[in-house]
Amino acid sequence: MSNNNFTKENINKPIARWTIGQVKPDGFKCLVDSINNFKKLYDVEIVICYNCDINNLPDIVSQFRLIDQQKHIGDIAAKPKGVSWKLYPPRLDINRHELFIDNDMVIINKIPQIDEFFKSDCTLLLEDTSRTYGRFEKHVPPNKFINSGIFGIPPKFDMKNFIDFYVGSEWENNASHEHAKNITWDEQGLVALALLNYHKNLTIPNTCITNCEHHLVNGKGLHFVALNRRNFHSPFRLWHSRNCKIHL
């Protein structure tokens, strides 16, 4: 698979980056859906950060800039584990807006907070219905419910400083039960405390990007939570069958 490097035509565009590991087959399908839908809505440089075998990536992603995360493990003092992989490297270009998007999330319509983020000096977060922050629970204001499925960082924001200061040498193993494969909730807590600490932040309501872990819930964006670890994720299969072309 080829790897298109950075080109000058992208130098002034915001970055939209996806992280993909060794997920279930539907996780790779959703990655393609996620990218295809997003690029119809926003003019961005698309980057795929991967920590799986490059040969497992869908062929379509070869047209985009690919980042081998294994080469960035040393960028942060703590070694990656579970969902914390999405922070390697912590920034691709500190001079541009950078949007992190999970492979199990599909943005269907333009979202006002994303539009505002791309033209403003602010951070962007996603509202959740619960608090899972690992050891950083006490560092996040009690009225804030944040999910790190999508978040944005403005130019000059140094995410590495927050990670090295708060995380130190290791991410803790504190995800459990049905979410045990995430390994750590520290990543979500770190994202929440760092981005809420900024002088201006925007939060996408959870009615705008909906949690579709168990049921398909209409929204401008759909977050198919647990897709990457399930052999059969019924809400994603239902949406995909309704909205994606079938090639005979």
Protein backbone atom coordinates (compact mmCIF):
# COMPACT_ATOMS: atom_id res chain seq x y z
CA MET A 1 0.00 0.00 0.00
CA SER A 2 1.38 3.39 -0.98
CA ASN A 3 1.64 6.31 1.39
CA ASN A 4 1.03 9.80 0.06
CA ASN A 5 3.13 12.32 1.94
CA PHE A 6 2.17 15.83 2.92
CA THR A 7 1.66 18.20 -0.03
CA LYS A 8 1.88 21.99 -0.11
CA GLU A 9 -1.75 22.28 -1.21
CA ASN A 10 -2.80 21.08 2.25
CA ILE A 11 -0.63 23.48 4.24
CA ASN A 12 -3.47 25.84 5.18
CA LYS A 13 -6.17 23.23 5.65
CA PRO A 14 -7.31 21.86 9.01
CA ILE A 15 -6.27 18.29 9.73
CA ALA A 16 -8.83 15.54 10.32
CA ARG A 17 -7.12 12.44 11.69
CA TRP A 18 -8.42 8.95 12.30
CA THR A 19 -6.75 6.22 14.36
CA ILE A 20 -7.16 2.56 13.45
CA GLY A 21 -5.79 -0.55 15.15
CA GLN A 22 -6.47 -4.25 14.72
CA VAL A 23 -10.26 -4.08 14.84
CA LYS A 24 -13.10 -6.33 13.75
CA PRO A 25 -13.97 -6.23 10.00
CA ASP A 26 -16.86 -3.81 10.55
CA GLY A 27 -14.42 -1.43 12.22
CA PHE A 28 -12.51 -1.10 8.94
CA LYS A 29 -15.78 -0.69 7.01
CA CYS A 30 -16.86 2.09 9.33
CA LEU A 31 -13.50 3.83 8.93
CA VAL A 32 -14.16 4.08 5.18
CA ASP A 33 -17.72 5.31 5.79
CA SER A 34 -16.44 7.86 8.30
CA ILE A 35 -13.83 9.30 5.95
CA ASN A 36 -16.07 9.33 2.88
CA ASN A 37 -18.86 11.15 4.68
CA PHE A 38 -16.55 13.68 6.34
CA LYS A 39 -14.70 14.67 3.17
CA LYS A 40 -18.04 15.48 1.50
CA LEU A 41 -18.72 18.01 4.26
CA TYR A 42 -15.35 19.61 5.04
CA ASP A 43 -12.25 20.68 3.12
CA VAL A 44 -9.50 19.18 5.28
CA GLU A 45 -6.29 17.20 5.02
CA ILE A 46 -7.21 13.62 5.87
CA VAL A 47 -4.64 11.60 7.80
CA ILE A 48 -4.85 7.97 8.90
CA CYS A 49 -2.82 7.02 11.97
CA TYR A 50 -2.53 3.24 12.17
CA ASN A 51 -1.10 0.73 14.64
CA CYS A 52 -2.24 -2.41 12.82
CA ASP A 53 -0.57 -4.25 9.95
CA ILE A 54 -0.61 -1.80 7.03
CA ASN A 55 -1.76 -4.64 4.75
CA ASN A 56 -5.02 -4.84 6.73
CA LEU A 57 -5.99 -1.27 5.88
CA PRO A 58 -8.74 -0.83 3.28
CA ASP A 59 -7.24 -0.02 -0.13
CA ILE A 60 -9.11 3.26 -0.34
CA VAL A 61 -7.05 4.86 2.46
CA SER A 62 -3.86 4.66 0.38
CA GLN A 63 -4.85 7.96 -1.25
CA PHE A 64 -4.43 9.74 2.07
CA ARG A 65 -1.46 10.54 4.28
CA LEU A 66 -0.62 7.50 6.42
CA ILE A 67 1.17 7.70 9.77
CA ASP A 68 2.73 4.56 11.27
CA GLN A 69 2.14 5.08 14.99
CA GLN A 70 4.76 2.50 15.91
CA LYS A 71 7.33 5.09 14.84
CA HIS A 72 5.89 7.63 17.31
CA ILE A 73 5.81 5.57 20.50
CA GLY A 74 8.71 7.60 21.90
CA ASP A 75 6.94 10.93 21.34
CA ILE A 76 5.30 10.54 24.77
CA ALA A 77 6.93 9.23 27.96
CA ALA A 78 4.17 6.65 28.50
CA LYS A 79 3.91 3.75 26.06
CA PRO A 80 0.54 3.45 24.27
CA LYS A 81 -2.12 0.99 25.35
CA GLY A 82 -5.75 0.54 24.30
CA VAL A 83 -7.58 3.69 23.30
CA SER A 84 -4.62 5.91 24.21
CA TRP A 85 -3.11 5.04 20.81
CA LYS A 86 -5.09 7.93 19.31
CA LEU A 87 -2.69 10.39 21.00
CA TYR A 88 0.39 9.07 19.15
CA PRO A 89 1.72 11.39 17.88
CA PRO A 90 0.10 14.06 20.09
CA ARG A 91 0.19 16.61 17.26
CA LEU A 92 0.70 16.26 13.51
CA ASP A 93 1.09 19.99 12.94
CA ILE A 94 0.95 22.35 15.91
CA ASN A 95 0.31 25.30 13.58
CA ARG A 96 -3.04 24.00 12.32
CA HIS A 97 -6.42 23.02 13.67
CA GLU A 98 -6.43 19.28 14.32
CA LEU A 99 -9.57 17.16 14.67
CA PHE A 100 -9.34 13.63 16.13
CA ILE A 101 -12.14 11.28 14.99
CA ASP A 102 -12.71 7.67 16.06
CA ASN A 103 -13.07 5.12 13.26
CA ASP A 104 -16.47 4.09 14.71
CA MET A 105 -18.02 7.54 14.22
CA VAL A 106 -19.78 8.78 11.08
CA ILE A 107 -20.61 12.47 10.61
CA ILE A 108 -23.64 12.69 8.32
CA ASN A 109 -24.41 16.42 8.28
CA LYS A 110 -22.41 19.54 9.05
CA ILE A 111 -22.15 20.24 12.75
CA PRO A 112 -22.14 23.90 13.91
CA GLN A 113 -19.52 23.32 16.60
CA ILE A 114 -17.10 21.77 14.09
CA ASP A 115 -17.58 24.73 11.74
CA GLU A 116 -16.92 27.13 14.61
CA PHE A 117 -13.88 25.17 15.79
CA PHE A 118 -12.19 25.32 12.37
CA LYS A 119 -12.38 29.14 12.31
CA SER A 120 -11.77 29.92 15.98
CA ASP A 121 -9.18 29.72 18.75
CA CYS A 122 -10.96 27.12 20.85
CA THR A 123 -10.97 23.45 21.76
CA LEU A 124 -13.77 21.09 20.74
CA LEU A 125 -15.31 18.30 22.82
CA LEU A 126 -18.24 15.87 22.64
CA GLU A 127 -20.89 15.58 25.36
CA ASP A 128 -21.44 12.17 26.92
CA THR A 129 -24.05 10.85 29.36
CA SER A 130 -21.57 9.40 31.84
CA ARG A 131 -18.12 10.07 33.32
CA THR A 132 -15.32 7.61 32.62
CA TYR A 133 -12.07 9.45 33.24
CA GLY A 134 -9.83 6.88 34.91
CA ARG A 135 -7.48 8.37 37.46
CA PHE A 136 -8.27 11.89 36.23
CA GLU A 137 -11.85 11.87 37.52
CA LYS A 138 -11.08 14.53 40.16
CA HIS A 139 -9.45 16.82 37.58
CA VAL A 140 -12.61 17.19 35.44
CA PRO A 141 -15.34 19.58 36.69
CA PRO A 142 -18.27 17.65 38.22
CA ASN A 143 -20.82 18.95 35.71
CA LYS A 144 -18.84 17.90 32.64
CA PHE A 145 -19.63 14.66 30.78
CA ILE A 146 -17.13 14.21 27.95
CA ASN A 147 -16.52 11.48 25.37
CA SER A 148 -13.27 11.48 23.39
CA GLY A 149 -14.76 9.91 20.25
CA ILE A 150 -14.19 13.26 18.56
CA PHE A 151 -12.24 16.25 19.82
CA GLY A 152 -10.38 19.21 18.36
CA ILE A 153 -7.23 21.12 19.20
CA PRO A 154 -6.40 24.63 17.90
CA PRO A 155 -3.04 25.88 16.63
CA LYS A 156 -0.29 26.29 19.25
CA PHE A 157 -2.00 23.95 21.73
CA ASP A 158 0.72 21.62 23.04
CA MET A 159 -1.03 18.36 23.90
CA LYS A 160 2.27 16.64 24.69
CA ASN A 161 2.87 18.87 27.72
CA PHE A 162 -0.45 17.80 29.26
CA ILE A 163 0.21 14.12 28.60
CA ASP A 164 3.72 14.12 30.01
CA PHE A 165 2.73 16.16 33.08
CA TYR A 166 -0.43 14.27 34.05
CA VAL A 167 0.19 10.76 32.71
CA GLY A 168 3.88 10.45 33.51
CA SER A 169 5.46 7.12 32.64
CA GLU A 170 2.35 4.95 32.24
CA TRP A 171 -1.33 4.86 31.34
CA GLU A 172 -3.25 2.96 34.03
CA ASN A 173 -5.29 -0.15 33.30
CA ASN A 174 -8.71 0.98 34.57
CA ALA A 175 -11.28 0.08 31.90
CA SER A 176 -13.34 -2.93 32.98
CA HIS A 177 -16.28 -5.23 32.25
CA GLU A 178 -17.62 -4.91 28.68
CA HIS A 179 -15.17 -2.06 28.00
CA ALA A 180 -12.10 -3.93 29.24
CA LYS A 181 -10.55 -4.03 25.76
CA ASN A 182 -10.24 -0.24 25.89
CA ILE A 183 -7.69 -0.99 28.65
CA THR A 184 -7.56 2.59 29.99
CA TRP A 185 -9.96 5.47 30.61
CA ASP A 186 -7.03 7.79 31.37
CA GLU A 187 -6.99 8.94 27.74
CA GLN A 188 -10.58 10.20 27.95
CA GLY A 189 -9.93 11.89 31.29
CA LEU A 190 -6.76 13.50 29.98
CA VAL A 191 -8.54 14.84 26.88
CA ALA A 192 -11.37 16.24 29.02
CA LEU A 193 -9.15 18.00 31.55
CA ALA A 194 -6.75 19.38 28.94
CA LEU A 195 -9.35 20.74 26.52
CA LEU A 196 -11.69 22.08 29.21
CA ASN A 197 -8.72 23.91 30.69
CA TYR A 198 -8.39 26.05 27.54
CA HIS A 199 -9.69 29.63 27.67
CA LYS A 200 -12.49 28.83 25.19
CA ASN A 201 -14.09 25.49 24.45
CA LEU A 202 -17.09 24.23 22.52
CA THR A 203 -19.05 21.05 23.22
CA ILE A 204 -21.06 19.09 20.66
CA PRO A 205 -24.35 17.97 22.29
CA ASN A 206 -24.94 14.23 22.57
CA THR A 207 -28.23 14.79 20.74
CA CYS A 208 -26.21 15.97 17.73
CA ILE A 209 -23.72 13.09 17.66
CA THR A 210 -25.63 10.19 19.14
CA ASN A 211 -24.49 7.07 20.98
CA CYS A 212 -25.46 4.08 18.82
CA GLU A 213 -23.91 1.33 20.93
CA HIS A 214 -27.17 -0.60 21.37
CA HIS A 215 -29.68 1.15 19.11
CA LEU A 216 -29.57 3.29 15.98
CA VAL A 217 -30.37 6.82 17.19
CA ASN A 218 -30.85 9.54 14.58
CA GLY A 219 -28.42 12.44 14.69
CA LYS A 220 -26.10 14.58 12.59
CA GLY A 221 -23.40 12.14 13.59
CA LEU A 222 -23.52 8.50 14.74
CA HIS A 223 -21.08 6.97 17.23
CA PHE A 224 -21.11 3.18 16.95
CA VAL A 225 -19.59 2.55 20.36
CA ALA A 226 -18.15 -0.98 20.81
CA LEU A 227 -18.08 -1.59 17.04
CA ASN A 228 -14.37 -2.41 17.05
CA ARG A 229 -14.70 -5.33 19.45
CA ARG A 230 -17.99 -6.92 18.33
CA ASN A 231 -18.36 -9.57 15.67
CA PHE A 232 -21.87 -8.29 14.96
CA HIS A 233 -22.89 -4.71 15.75
CA SER A 234 -26.56 -4.49 14.77
CA PRO A 235 -26.96 -0.66 14.76
CA PHE A 236 -23.97 -0.28 12.40
CA ARG A 237 -25.11 -3.14 10.14
CA LEU A 238 -28.57 -1.56 9.92
CA TRP A 239 -27.23 1.91 9.08
CA HIS A 240 -24.62 0.59 6.64
CA SER A 241 -27.17 -1.51 4.75
CA ARG A 242 -29.51 1.49 4.42
CA ASN A 243 -26.94 4.04 3.36
CA CYS A 244 -24.03 2.37 1.57
CA LYS A 245 -24.11 1.15 -2.02
CA ILE A 246 -24.02 -2.58 -2.63
CA HIS A 247 -21.72 -3.59 -5.50
CA LEU A 248 -22.63 -6.79 -7.30
